[in-house]
Amino acid sequence: MADCGLTDNEAAVRPGIGQMDAQSRELERRTKAFALRILAFVAGFPKTLVSDSVGYQLVRCGPSVGANYREANRAESRDDFIHKIGIIEKEASETCYWLELCEEAGIGDAAERQWLLKESTELLAIFTRIGKTAKSRYRKPRL
């Protein structure tokens, strides 16, 4: 599989708001792995109207967490970074919601559903903390 991300050398000095450290690269890897597991989880759903509808929502919001995080790491400004992290928080929260519905409705493999619920909750907490930290470290100049 092709990897369109930055190589380690490119990531060391990236344009935008700063350098991408090993922790950021690891979180990009983690969110991509999460996206792939969401796709595999949904692929195993039975073919019903309910599971098709829930699956569509999960396929839309789950992988969006990683895609938007990749974009945030290439933000053009601190404001752009903060905005993109806010979008990630919303997508992570929505993913948790749809996984909770799967849990309560018994849709999908139980063990995988539990892992995805735990991971989505952890990712939501991580991105919420990143957003709060970024906002606290950056004060817009008053005009």
C-alpha atoms as a PDB file:
ATOM      1  CA  MET A   1       0.000   0.000   0.000  1.00  0.00           C
ATOM      2  CA  ALA A   2       1.267   3.470  -0.876  1.00  0.00           C
ATOM      3  CA  ASP A   3       1.895   5.960   1.886  1.00  0.00           C
ATOM      4  CA  CYS A   4       1.246   9.560   0.876  1.00  0.00           C
ATOM      5  CA  GLY A   5       2.449  10.906   4.229  1.00  0.00           C
ATOM      6  CA  LEU A   6       5.713  12.680   4.759  1.00  0.00           C
ATOM      7  CA  THR A   7       8.873  10.663   5.151  1.00  0.00           C
ATOM      8  CA  ASP A   8      10.827  11.083   8.365  1.00  0.00           C
ATOM      9  CA  ASN A   9      13.233  13.486   6.634  1.00  0.00           C
ATOM     10  CA  GLU A  10      10.421  15.580   5.162  1.00  0.00           C
ATOM     11  CA  ALA A  11       8.546  15.650   8.471  1.00  0.00           C
ATOM     12  CA  ALA A  12      11.571  17.020  10.290  1.00  0.00           C
ATOM     13  CA  VAL A  13      11.153  20.408   8.618  1.00  0.00           C
ATOM     14  CA  ARG A  14       7.607  20.763   7.349  1.00  0.00           C
ATOM     15  CA  PRO A  15       5.970  23.985   6.306  1.00  0.00           C
ATOM     16  CA  GLY A  16       3.172  25.363   8.418  1.00  0.00           C
ATOM     17  CA  ILE A  17       3.039  25.866  12.149  1.00  0.00           C
ATOM     18  CA  GLY A  18       6.060  23.876  13.258  1.00  0.00           C
ATOM     19  CA  GLN A  19       7.763  20.550  13.270  1.00  0.00           C
ATOM     20  CA  MET A  20       6.014  17.200  13.241  1.00  0.00           C
ATOM     21  CA  ASP A  21       7.441  15.127  16.052  1.00  0.00           C
ATOM     22  CA  ALA A  22       7.478  11.376  16.596  1.00  0.00           C
ATOM     23  CA  GLN A  23       4.349  11.604  18.748  1.00  0.00           C
ATOM     24  CA  SER A  24       2.425  13.266  15.900  1.00  0.00           C
ATOM     25  CA  ARG A  25       3.611  10.640  13.427  1.00  0.00           C
ATOM     26  CA  GLU A  26       2.549   7.888  15.841  1.00  0.00           C
ATOM     27  CA  LEU A  27      -0.901   9.454  16.241  1.00  0.00           C
ATOM     28  CA  GLU A  28      -1.232   9.638  12.445  1.00  0.00           C
ATOM     29  CA  ARG A  29      -0.359   5.933  12.282  1.00  0.00           C
ATOM     30  CA  ARG A  30      -2.825   5.129  15.071  1.00  0.00           C
ATOM     31  CA  THR A  31      -5.698   7.026  13.453  1.00  0.00           C
ATOM     32  CA  LYS A  32      -5.024   5.316  10.108  1.00  0.00           C
ATOM     33  CA  ALA A  33      -5.079   1.889  11.807  1.00  0.00           C
ATOM     34  CA  PHE A  34      -8.346   2.901  13.482  1.00  0.00           C
ATOM     35  CA  ALA A  35      -9.814   3.874  10.101  1.00  0.00           C
ATOM     36  CA  LEU A  36      -8.839   0.537   8.578  1.00  0.00           C
ATOM     37  CA  ARG A  37     -10.416  -1.350  11.482  1.00  0.00           C
ATOM     38  CA  ILE A  38     -13.634   0.690  11.108  1.00  0.00           C
ATOM     39  CA  LEU A  39     -13.773  -0.250   7.420  1.00  0.00           C
ATOM     40  CA  ALA A  40     -13.220  -3.954   8.173  1.00  0.00           C
ATOM     41  CA  PHE A  41     -15.785  -3.850  11.004  1.00  0.00           C
ATOM     42  CA  VAL A  42     -18.463  -2.355   8.760  1.00  0.00           C
ATOM     43  CA  ALA A  43     -17.630  -4.775   5.934  1.00  0.00           C
ATOM     44  CA  GLY A  44     -18.725  -7.574   8.260  1.00  0.00           C
ATOM     45  CA  PHE A  45     -22.178  -6.120   8.905  1.00  0.00           C
ATOM     46  CA  PRO A  46     -25.222  -8.091   7.756  1.00  0.00           C
ATOM     47  CA  LYS A  47     -26.973  -6.640   4.711  1.00  0.00           C
ATOM     48  CA  THR A  48     -29.999  -4.935   6.284  1.00  0.00           C
ATOM     49  CA  LEU A  49     -31.400  -1.424   6.051  1.00  0.00           C
ATOM     50  CA  VAL A  50     -30.373  -0.677   9.643  1.00  0.00           C
ATOM     51  CA  SER A  51     -26.824  -1.992   9.399  1.00  0.00           C
ATOM     52  CA  ASP A  52     -26.352  -0.347   5.993  1.00  0.00           C
ATOM     53  CA  SER A  53     -27.438   3.013   7.437  1.00  0.00           C
ATOM     54  CA  VAL A  54     -25.284   2.730  10.557  1.00  0.00           C
ATOM     55  CA  GLY A  55     -22.376   1.383   8.513  1.00  0.00           C
ATOM     56  CA  TYR A  56     -22.557   4.313   6.108  1.00  0.00           C
ATOM     57  CA  GLN A  57     -22.306   6.755   9.005  1.00  0.00           C
ATOM     58  CA  LEU A  58     -19.376   4.905  10.562  1.00  0.00           C
ATOM     59  CA  VAL A  59     -17.504   4.732   7.256  1.00  0.00           C
ATOM     60  CA  ARG A  60     -18.007   8.475   6.858  1.00  0.00           C
ATOM     61  CA  CYS A  61     -16.965   9.704  10.316  1.00  0.00           C
ATOM     62  CA  GLY A  62     -14.490   7.065  11.596  1.00  0.00           C
ATOM     63  CA  PRO A  63     -11.809   7.441   8.900  1.00  0.00           C
ATOM     64  CA  SER A  64     -12.370  11.204   8.905  1.00  0.00           C
ATOM     65  CA  VAL A  65     -10.594  11.402  12.268  1.00  0.00           C
ATOM     66  CA  GLY A  66      -7.286  10.335  10.710  1.00  0.00           C
ATOM     67  CA  ALA A  67      -7.755  12.266   7.489  1.00  0.00           C
ATOM     68  CA  ASN A  68      -8.445  15.489   9.368  1.00  0.00           C
ATOM     69  CA  TYR A  69      -5.552  14.887  11.761  1.00  0.00           C
ATOM     70  CA  ARG A  70      -3.205  14.534   8.802  1.00  0.00           C
ATOM     71  CA  GLU A  71      -4.566  17.870   7.525  1.00  0.00           C
ATOM     72  CA  ALA A  72      -4.160  19.482  10.960  1.00  0.00           C
ATOM     73  CA  ASN A  73      -0.493  18.481  11.020  1.00  0.00           C
ATOM     74  CA  ARG A  74      -0.066  20.406   7.803  1.00  0.00           C
ATOM     75  CA  ALA A  75      -2.019  23.448   8.942  1.00  0.00           C
ATOM     76  CA  GLU A  76      -1.042  26.827   7.554  1.00  0.00           C
ATOM     77  CA  SER A  77      -1.447  28.669  10.852  1.00  0.00           C
ATOM     78  CA  ARG A  78      -2.210  28.133  14.531  1.00  0.00           C
ATOM     79  CA  ASP A  79      -5.834  29.181  13.894  1.00  0.00           C
ATOM     80  CA  ASP A  80      -6.071  26.642  11.068  1.00  0.00           C
ATOM     81  CA  PHE A  81      -4.649  23.923  13.350  1.00  0.00           C
ATOM     82  CA  ILE A  82      -7.116  24.727  16.146  1.00  0.00           C
ATOM     83  CA  HIS A  83     -10.022  24.740  13.687  1.00  0.00           C
ATOM     84  CA  LYS A  84      -9.035  21.355  12.243  1.00  0.00           C
ATOM     85  CA  ILE A  85      -8.612  19.830  15.699  1.00  0.00           C
ATOM     86  CA  GLY A  86     -12.161  21.020  16.481  1.00  0.00           C
ATOM     87  CA  ILE A  87     -13.423  19.157  13.420  1.00  0.00           C
ATOM     88  CA  ILE A  88     -11.576  16.028  14.560  1.00  0.00           C
ATOM     89  CA  GLU A  89     -13.203  16.255  17.993  1.00  0.00           C
ATOM     90  CA  LYS A  90     -16.646  16.366  16.355  1.00  0.00           C
ATOM     91  CA  GLU A  91     -15.891  13.425  14.064  1.00  0.00           C
ATOM     92  CA  ALA A  92     -14.452  11.371  16.950  1.00  0.00           C
ATOM     93  CA  SER A  93     -17.505  12.106  19.072  1.00  0.00           C
ATOM     94  CA  GLU A  94     -19.822  11.118  16.238  1.00  0.00           C
ATOM     95  CA  THR A  95     -17.873   7.892  15.740  1.00  0.00           C
ATOM     96  CA  CYS A  96     -18.347   7.087  19.434  1.00  0.00           C
ATOM     97  CA  TYR A  97     -22.083   7.703  19.043  1.00  0.00           C
ATOM     98  CA  TRP A  98     -22.477   5.300  16.107  1.00  0.00           C
ATOM     99  CA  LEU A  99     -20.371   2.655  17.835  1.00  0.00           C
ATOM    100  CA  GLU A 100     -22.546   3.014  20.945  1.00  0.00           C
ATOM    101  CA  LEU A 101     -25.598   2.411  18.747  1.00  0.00           C
ATOM    102  CA  CYS A 102     -23.908  -0.686  17.318  1.00  0.00           C
ATOM    103  CA  GLU A 103     -23.262  -1.870  20.864  1.00  0.00           C
ATOM    104  CA  GLU A 104     -26.845  -1.356  22.000  1.00  0.00           C
ATOM    105  CA  ALA A 105     -28.313  -2.847  18.807  1.00  0.00           C
ATOM    106  CA  GLY A 106     -25.852  -5.760  18.721  1.00  0.00           C
ATOM    107  CA  ILE A 107     -24.549  -4.877  15.247  1.00  0.00           C
ATOM    108  CA  GLY A 108     -21.129  -6.206  14.212  1.00  0.00           C
ATOM    109  CA  ASP A 109     -18.556  -8.443  15.820  1.00  0.00           C
ATOM    110  CA  ALA A 110     -18.746  -7.969  19.605  1.00  0.00           C
ATOM    111  CA  ALA A 111     -15.006  -8.154  20.314  1.00  0.00           C
ATOM    112  CA  GLU A 112     -14.108  -5.746  17.517  1.00  0.00           C
ATOM    113  CA  ARG A 113     -16.928  -3.404  18.523  1.00  0.00           C
ATOM    114  CA  GLN A 114     -15.553  -3.257  22.083  1.00  0.00           C
ATOM    115  CA  TRP A 115     -12.045  -2.498  20.835  1.00  0.00           C
ATOM    116  CA  LEU A 116     -13.332   0.225  18.499  1.00  0.00           C
ATOM    117  CA  LEU A 117     -15.430   1.789  21.264  1.00  0.00           C
ATOM    118  CA  LYS A 118     -12.416   1.898  23.583  1.00  0.00           C
ATOM    119  CA  GLU A 119     -10.144   3.293  20.863  1.00  0.00           C
ATOM    120  CA  SER A 120     -12.664   5.926  19.726  1.00  0.00           C
ATOM    121  CA  THR A 121     -13.129   7.073  23.324  1.00  0.00           C
ATOM    122  CA  GLU A 122      -9.350   7.337  23.780  1.00  0.00           C
ATOM    123  CA  LEU A 123      -8.941   9.235  20.507  1.00  0.00           C
ATOM    124  CA  LEU A 124     -11.715  11.650  21.496  1.00  0.00           C
ATOM    125  CA  ALA A 125      -9.952  12.303  24.813  1.00  0.00           C
ATOM    126  CA  ILE A 126      -6.599  12.813  23.066  1.00  0.00           C
ATOM    127  CA  PHE A 127      -7.976  15.285  20.528  1.00  0.00           C
ATOM    128  CA  THR A 128      -9.997  17.132  23.152  1.00  0.00           C
ATOM    129  CA  ARG A 129      -6.794  17.605  25.171  1.00  0.00           C
ATOM    130  CA  ILE A 130      -4.832  18.679  22.068  1.00  0.00           C
ATOM    131  CA  GLY A 131      -7.530  21.251  21.285  1.00  0.00           C
ATOM    132  CA  LYS A 132      -7.617  22.639  24.824  1.00  0.00           C
ATOM    133  CA  THR A 133      -3.822  22.816  24.993  1.00  0.00           C
ATOM    134  CA  ALA A 134      -3.536  24.539  21.613  1.00  0.00           C
ATOM    135  CA  LYS A 135      -6.185  27.091  22.562  1.00  0.00           C
ATOM    136  CA  SER A 136      -4.593  27.811  25.943  1.00  0.00           C
ATOM    137  CA  ARG A 137      -1.171  28.379  24.377  1.00  0.00           C
ATOM    138  CA  TYR A 138      -2.444  30.705  21.720  1.00  0.00           C
ATOM    139  CA  ARG A 139      -4.129  34.010  22.386  1.00  0.00           C
ATOM    140  CA  LYS A 140      -5.287  36.023  19.413  1.00  0.00           C
ATOM    141  CA  PRO A 141      -3.970  39.568  19.439  1.00  0.00           C
ATOM    142  CA  ARG A 142      -6.618  42.145  20.247  1.00  0.00           C
ATOM    143  CA  LEU A 143      -7.200  44.860  17.728  1.00  0.00           C
END
